[in-house]
Protein backbone atom coordinates (compact mmCIF):
# COMPACT_ATOMS: atom_id res chain seq x y z
CA MET A 1 0.01 -0.01 -0.11
CA SER A 2 1.36 3.42 -0.86
CA TYR A 3 0.46 6.28 1.50
CA GLU A 4 -0.09 9.87 0.11
CA VAL A 5 0.15 13.29 2.08
CA GLY A 6 -3.32 14.52 2.94
CA ALA A 7 -4.91 11.07 3.12
CA LYS A 8 -6.37 9.77 6.39
CA ILE A 9 -6.32 6.49 8.13
CA ILE A 10 -8.60 5.07 10.78
CA SER A 11 -6.68 3.07 13.38
CA LYS A 12 -7.56 -0.29 14.88
CA LYS A 13 -7.23 1.12 18.43
CA PRO A 14 -8.10 4.57 19.69
CA HIS A 15 -5.42 7.06 20.75
CA ALA A 16 -5.25 8.03 24.36
CA CYS A 17 -7.51 10.93 23.61
CA GLY A 18 -10.14 8.72 22.07
CA GLY A 19 -9.63 9.60 18.47
CA LYS A 20 -9.18 7.01 15.76
CA VAL A 21 -8.79 9.40 12.67
CA TRP A 22 -5.08 10.27 11.70
CA LEU A 23 -3.98 12.71 9.02
CA ILE A 24 -0.84 11.68 6.94
CA GLU A 25 1.40 14.84 6.94
CA ARG A 26 4.67 13.36 5.52
CA VAL A 27 5.81 10.17 3.57
CA GLY A 28 9.23 8.99 3.33
CA ALA A 29 11.43 6.52 5.19
CA ASP A 30 8.90 7.02 7.94
CA ILE A 31 5.44 8.54 8.07
CA LYS A 32 4.32 11.38 10.11
CA ILE A 33 0.71 11.23 11.27
CA LYS A 34 -1.44 13.70 13.17
CA CYS A 35 -4.34 12.81 15.47
CA GLU A 36 -7.52 14.78 14.23
CA THR A 37 -8.81 14.90 17.75
CA CYS A 38 -5.92 16.20 19.94
CA GLY A 39 -3.46 17.34 17.12
CA LYS A 40 -0.55 15.03 18.54
CA THR A 41 1.92 14.13 15.78
CA MET A 42 4.00 10.88 15.66
CA PHE A 43 6.67 9.62 13.36
CA LEU A 44 6.17 5.81 12.60
CA THR A 45 7.82 3.39 10.22
CA VAL A 46 5.66 2.11 7.16
CA ASP A 47 5.45 -1.29 8.81
CA GLN A 48 4.02 0.33 12.15
CA VAL A 49 1.44 2.35 10.13
CA LYS A 50 0.34 -0.73 8.13
CA LYS A 51 -0.13 -2.61 11.38
CA MET A 52 -2.26 0.11 13.05
CA THR A 53 -4.39 0.84 10.02
CA LYS A 54 -8.00 -0.49 9.92
CA THR A 55 -9.24 1.74 7.02
CA TYR A 56 -7.32 3.86 4.57
CA LEU A 57 -9.20 6.89 3.18
CA SER A 58 -7.53 8.32 0.05
CA LEU A 59 -7.64 11.96 -0.96
CA GLY A 60 -10.77 11.51 -3.00
CA GLU A 61 -12.61 9.69 -0.32
CA ASN A 62 -11.80 12.42 2.35
CA ASN A 63 -13.53 15.18 0.18
CA ALA A 64 -16.70 13.31 -0.40
C-alpha cells in the first residue's frame, strides 16, 4: 500500500484522547501522522502504520 500526504487513516485502536482518525502529513522513510482529535503528531515506520491501520481513506474519499 502506498500512502499519500493529505490522506487519512482510521486506526484499529483509539489514541489516548479517544480519536481514531489520523491525517498523513509526511511520507518518506517514515510516516508522520497527526491525530485529528487532539493534534498530537507521531513519526512511525511504514510497517508500524500498516499494522495500526484499519481503513485507509485516500484524498478522493476524504473530500466526498
